[in-house]
Amino acid sequence: MATITPPYADPGRAAFEVLDTYLQNHLLAGSHPELAPAFSFPIAFSKTLAQFTVVGLVAGELVPATYNADPALAVKPIGIMAHAAARGASGPAVNGQVFYSGCFNVAALVWDATFTTTALKLAAFRGSPTPTNIIVASRG
């Protein structure tokens, strides 16, 4: 018979772990549209994308979405990073998981510096390509 060591010193009693940091963050601002499972996309070379970064696609690869008054120069957002991910200057492909549907809290997302106002952030996903179905709103 196998010996199983319980993961805690005192089985049957609640245990707590000490974490490095704890951040109360309300990611969602509403229940519609429904949060959909994340979809996988390759990350562009030399990119580090933090969790909850607003991202777009350039040549089929994930990069931070950017705003520009000229839409041809902007990177239109298609989703939000579900987890942090990075890809170096060379090496194999790395995929990032992207939420493409949900109602997200504008203050909880990581925005490129080109989104200079709350109004730009709230309007960022308007006109995004299908199947993106994201609403950005203030929580409250």
C-alpha atoms as a PDB file:
ATOM      1  CA  MET A   1       0.000   0.000   0.000  1.00  0.00           C
ATOM      2  CA  ALA A   2       1.286   3.462  -0.896  1.00  0.00           C
ATOM      3  CA  THR A   3       2.116   6.017   1.759  1.00  0.00           C
ATOM      4  CA  ILE A   4       0.464   9.356   1.043  1.00  0.00           C
ATOM      5  CA  THR A   5       1.868  12.400   2.752  1.00  0.00           C
ATOM      6  CA  PRO A   6      -0.755  15.116   3.256  1.00  0.00           C
ATOM      7  CA  PRO A   7       0.264  18.512   1.861  1.00  0.00           C
ATOM      8  CA  TYR A   8      -0.332  20.194   5.229  1.00  0.00           C
ATOM      9  CA  ALA A   9       1.133  19.445   8.602  1.00  0.00           C
ATOM     10  CA  ASP A  10      -2.278  19.189  10.237  1.00  0.00           C
ATOM     11  CA  PRO A  11      -4.750  17.304   7.972  1.00  0.00           C
ATOM     12  CA  GLY A  12      -8.371  18.325   8.348  1.00  0.00           C
ATOM     13  CA  ARG A  13      -7.530  21.808   9.609  1.00  0.00           C
ATOM     14  CA  ALA A  14      -7.644  24.887   7.395  1.00  0.00           C
ATOM     15  CA  ALA A  15      -4.242  26.166   6.326  1.00  0.00           C
ATOM     16  CA  PHE A  16      -3.138  29.430   4.779  1.00  0.00           C
ATOM     17  CA  GLU A  17      -0.213  30.320   2.600  1.00  0.00           C
ATOM     18  CA  VAL A  18       1.711  33.572   2.607  1.00  0.00           C
ATOM     19  CA  LEU A  19       1.781  35.148  -0.840  1.00  0.00           C
ATOM     20  CA  ASP A  20       4.242  37.749  -2.078  1.00  0.00           C
ATOM     21  CA  THR A  21       1.506  40.258  -2.889  1.00  0.00           C
ATOM     22  CA  TYR A  22      -2.242  40.474  -3.032  1.00  0.00           C
ATOM     23  CA  LEU A  23      -4.051  42.877  -5.299  1.00  0.00           C
ATOM     24  CA  GLN A  24      -7.800  43.368  -5.120  1.00  0.00           C
ATOM     25  CA  ASN A  25      -8.756  43.865  -8.720  1.00  0.00           C
ATOM     26  CA  HIS A  26     -12.255  43.868 -10.161  1.00  0.00           C
ATOM     27  CA  LEU A  27     -11.584  42.709 -13.706  1.00  0.00           C
ATOM     28  CA  LEU A  28     -15.187  42.553 -14.848  1.00  0.00           C
ATOM     29  CA  ALA A  29     -17.610  45.478 -14.927  1.00  0.00           C
ATOM     30  CA  GLY A  30     -20.737  43.538 -15.887  1.00  0.00           C
ATOM     31  CA  SER A  31     -22.118  40.170 -16.889  1.00  0.00           C
ATOM     32  CA  HIS A  32     -22.979  40.893 -20.517  1.00  0.00           C
ATOM     33  CA  PRO A  33     -21.454  39.987 -22.879  1.00  0.00           C
ATOM     34  CA  GLU A  34     -20.460  36.813 -21.115  1.00  0.00           C
ATOM     35  CA  LEU A  35     -16.767  36.172 -20.448  1.00  0.00           C
ATOM     36  CA  ALA A  36     -15.710  33.568 -23.023  1.00  0.00           C
ATOM     37  CA  PRO A  37     -12.826  31.106 -22.738  1.00  0.00           C
ATOM     38  CA  ALA A  38      -9.502  32.519 -23.899  1.00  0.00           C
ATOM     39  CA  PHE A  39      -8.288  31.910 -27.462  1.00  0.00           C
ATOM     40  CA  SER A  40      -4.640  31.290 -28.344  1.00  0.00           C
ATOM     41  CA  PHE A  41      -2.573  33.578 -30.612  1.00  0.00           C
ATOM     42  CA  PRO A  42       1.195  33.689 -31.298  1.00  0.00           C
ATOM     43  CA  ILE A  43       3.124  36.545 -29.666  1.00  0.00           C
ATOM     44  CA  ALA A  44       5.358  38.785 -31.776  1.00  0.00           C
ATOM     45  CA  PHE A  45       9.154  38.595 -31.333  1.00  0.00           C
ATOM     46  CA  SER A  46      10.663  40.646 -28.477  1.00  0.00           C
ATOM     47  CA  LYS A  47       7.318  41.279 -26.751  1.00  0.00           C
ATOM     48  CA  THR A  48       6.420  40.977 -23.086  1.00  0.00           C
ATOM     49  CA  LEU A  49       2.700  41.223 -22.459  1.00  0.00           C
ATOM     50  CA  ALA A  50       1.432  41.616 -18.897  1.00  0.00           C
ATOM     51  CA  GLN A  51      -1.743  39.965 -17.688  1.00  0.00           C
ATOM     52  CA  PHE A  52      -4.828  41.999 -18.747  1.00  0.00           C
ATOM     53  CA  THR A  53      -2.944  43.925 -21.460  1.00  0.00           C
ATOM     54  CA  VAL A  54      -5.213  45.170 -24.253  1.00  0.00           C
ATOM     55  CA  VAL A  55      -3.793  43.548 -27.394  1.00  0.00           C
ATOM     56  CA  GLY A  56      -4.168  43.620 -31.158  1.00  0.00           C
ATOM     57  CA  LEU A  57      -2.703  41.713 -34.081  1.00  0.00           C
ATOM     58  CA  VAL A  58       0.078  42.755 -36.448  1.00  0.00           C
ATOM     59  CA  ALA A  59       0.853  40.204 -39.162  1.00  0.00           C
ATOM     60  CA  GLY A  60      -1.156  37.633 -37.161  1.00  0.00           C
ATOM     61  CA  GLU A  61       0.885  38.078 -33.961  1.00  0.00           C
ATOM     62  CA  LEU A  62      -0.055  39.671 -30.629  1.00  0.00           C
ATOM     63  CA  VAL A  63       1.222  43.149 -29.770  1.00  0.00           C
ATOM     64  CA  PRO A  64      -0.126  45.855 -27.446  1.00  0.00           C
ATOM     65  CA  ALA A  65      -3.053  47.701 -29.036  1.00  0.00           C
ATOM     66  CA  THR A  66      -2.307  51.354 -29.810  1.00  0.00           C
ATOM     67  CA  TYR A  67      -4.397  54.426 -30.521  1.00  0.00           C
ATOM     68  CA  ASN A  68      -3.774  56.840 -33.363  1.00  0.00           C
ATOM     69  CA  ALA A  69      -6.090  59.514 -34.779  1.00  0.00           C
ATOM     70  CA  ASP A  70      -5.339  57.945 -38.156  1.00  0.00           C
ATOM     71  CA  PRO A  71      -6.916  54.446 -37.922  1.00  0.00           C
ATOM     72  CA  ALA A  72      -4.447  53.131 -40.517  1.00  0.00           C
ATOM     73  CA  LEU A  73      -1.601  53.741 -38.042  1.00  0.00           C
ATOM     74  CA  ALA A  74      -3.366  52.295 -34.972  1.00  0.00           C
ATOM     75  CA  VAL A  75      -3.346  48.673 -33.799  1.00  0.00           C
ATOM     76  CA  LYS A  76      -7.026  47.890 -33.227  1.00  0.00           C
ATOM     77  CA  PRO A  77      -7.668  45.876 -30.046  1.00  0.00           C
ATOM     78  CA  ILE A  78      -8.970  42.340 -30.473  1.00  0.00           C
ATOM     79  CA  GLY A  79      -8.785  41.129 -26.878  1.00  0.00           C
ATOM     80  CA  ILE A  80      -7.263  41.112 -23.403  1.00  0.00           C
ATOM     81  CA  MET A  81      -4.405  38.907 -22.223  1.00  0.00           C
ATOM     82  CA  ALA A  82      -5.673  36.241 -19.836  1.00  0.00           C
ATOM     83  CA  HIS A  83      -2.146  35.533 -18.545  1.00  0.00           C
ATOM     84  CA  ALA A  84       1.223  37.231 -18.833  1.00  0.00           C
ATOM     85  CA  ALA A  85       3.415  35.913 -21.643  1.00  0.00           C
ATOM     86  CA  ALA A  86       6.678  36.847 -23.333  1.00  0.00           C
ATOM     87  CA  ARG A  87       8.686  35.939 -26.419  1.00  0.00           C
ATOM     88  CA  GLY A  88      12.349  36.686 -26.938  1.00  0.00           C
ATOM     89  CA  ALA A  89      14.114  38.056 -30.002  1.00  0.00           C
ATOM     90  CA  SER A  90      14.514  34.542 -31.392  1.00  0.00           C
ATOM     91  CA  GLY A  91      13.418  31.031 -30.673  1.00  0.00           C
ATOM     92  CA  PRO A  92      10.241  29.020 -30.968  1.00  0.00           C
ATOM     93  CA  ALA A  93       6.751  30.476 -31.176  1.00  0.00           C
ATOM     94  CA  VAL A  94       5.054  31.393 -27.906  1.00  0.00           C
ATOM     95  CA  ASN A  95       1.290  31.676 -27.676  1.00  0.00           C
ATOM     96  CA  GLY A  96      -0.707  34.040 -25.509  1.00  0.00           C
ATOM     97  CA  GLN A  97      -4.224  33.372 -24.237  1.00  0.00           C
ATOM     98  CA  VAL A  98      -6.636  36.196 -25.109  1.00  0.00           C
ATOM     99  CA  PHE A  99     -10.150  36.915 -23.847  1.00  0.00           C
ATOM    100  CA  TYR A 100     -12.247  37.992 -26.841  1.00  0.00           C
ATOM    101  CA  SER A 101     -15.592  38.447 -25.087  1.00  0.00           C
ATOM    102  CA  GLY A 102     -16.690  40.070 -21.825  1.00  0.00           C
ATOM    103  CA  CYS A 103     -17.491  43.330 -20.063  1.00  0.00           C
ATOM    104  CA  PHE A 104     -14.220  44.579 -18.556  1.00  0.00           C
ATOM    105  CA  ASN A 105     -13.422  47.245 -15.963  1.00  0.00           C
ATOM    106  CA  VAL A 106     -11.498  50.043 -17.724  1.00  0.00           C
ATOM    107  CA  ALA A 107      -9.337  50.637 -14.622  1.00  0.00           C
ATOM    108  CA  ALA A 108      -8.256  46.978 -14.335  1.00  0.00           C
ATOM    109  CA  LEU A 109      -6.773  46.724 -17.836  1.00  0.00           C
ATOM    110  CA  VAL A 110      -3.203  47.445 -18.938  1.00  0.00           C
ATOM    111  CA  TRP A 111      -3.296  50.081 -21.686  1.00  0.00           C
ATOM    112  CA  ASP A 112      -0.630  51.350 -24.064  1.00  0.00           C
ATOM    113  CA  ALA A 113       0.410  54.945 -23.301  1.00  0.00           C
ATOM    114  CA  THR A 114      -1.247  56.111 -26.545  1.00  0.00           C
ATOM    115  CA  PHE A 115      -4.655  55.666 -24.878  1.00  0.00           C
ATOM    116  CA  THR A 116      -4.334  58.976 -23.039  1.00  0.00           C
ATOM    117  CA  THR A 117      -7.896  59.483 -21.801  1.00  0.00           C
ATOM    118  CA  THR A 118     -10.650  57.392 -20.279  1.00  0.00           C
ATOM    119  CA  ALA A 119     -12.852  58.262 -23.253  1.00  0.00           C
ATOM    120  CA  LEU A 120     -10.328  56.689 -25.670  1.00  0.00           C
ATOM    121  CA  LYS A 121     -10.163  53.575 -23.500  1.00  0.00           C
ATOM    122  CA  LEU A 122     -13.951  53.246 -23.288  1.00  0.00           C
ATOM    123  CA  ALA A 123     -14.211  53.500 -27.083  1.00  0.00           C
ATOM    124  CA  ALA A 124     -11.201  51.299 -27.897  1.00  0.00           C
ATOM    125  CA  PHE A 125     -13.098  48.131 -28.857  1.00  0.00           C
ATOM    126  CA  ARG A 126     -15.784  49.826 -30.947  1.00  0.00           C
ATOM    127  CA  GLY A 127     -15.442  48.476 -34.476  1.00  0.00           C
ATOM    128  CA  SER A 128     -13.056  45.659 -33.512  1.00  0.00           C
ATOM    129  CA  PRO A 129     -13.101  42.696 -35.892  1.00  0.00           C
ATOM    130  CA  THR A 130     -15.378  39.705 -35.365  1.00  0.00           C
ATOM    131  CA  PRO A 131     -15.504  37.601 -33.170  1.00  0.00           C
ATOM    132  CA  THR A 132     -14.357  40.235 -30.645  1.00  0.00           C
ATOM    133  CA  ASN A 133     -17.275  41.078 -28.373  1.00  0.00           C
ATOM    134  CA  ILE A 134     -15.769  43.250 -25.627  1.00  0.00           C
ATOM    135  CA  ILE A 135     -17.304  46.159 -23.762  1.00  0.00           C
ATOM    136  CA  VAL A 136     -15.078  48.353 -21.606  1.00  0.00           C
ATOM    137  CA  ALA A 137     -16.901  50.200 -18.833  1.00  0.00           C
ATOM    138  CA  SER A 138     -16.323  51.915 -15.524  1.00  0.00           C
ATOM    139  CA  ARG A 139     -17.188  49.738 -12.586  1.00  0.00           C
ATOM    140  CA  GLY A 140     -19.862  51.042 -10.324  1.00  0.00           C
END
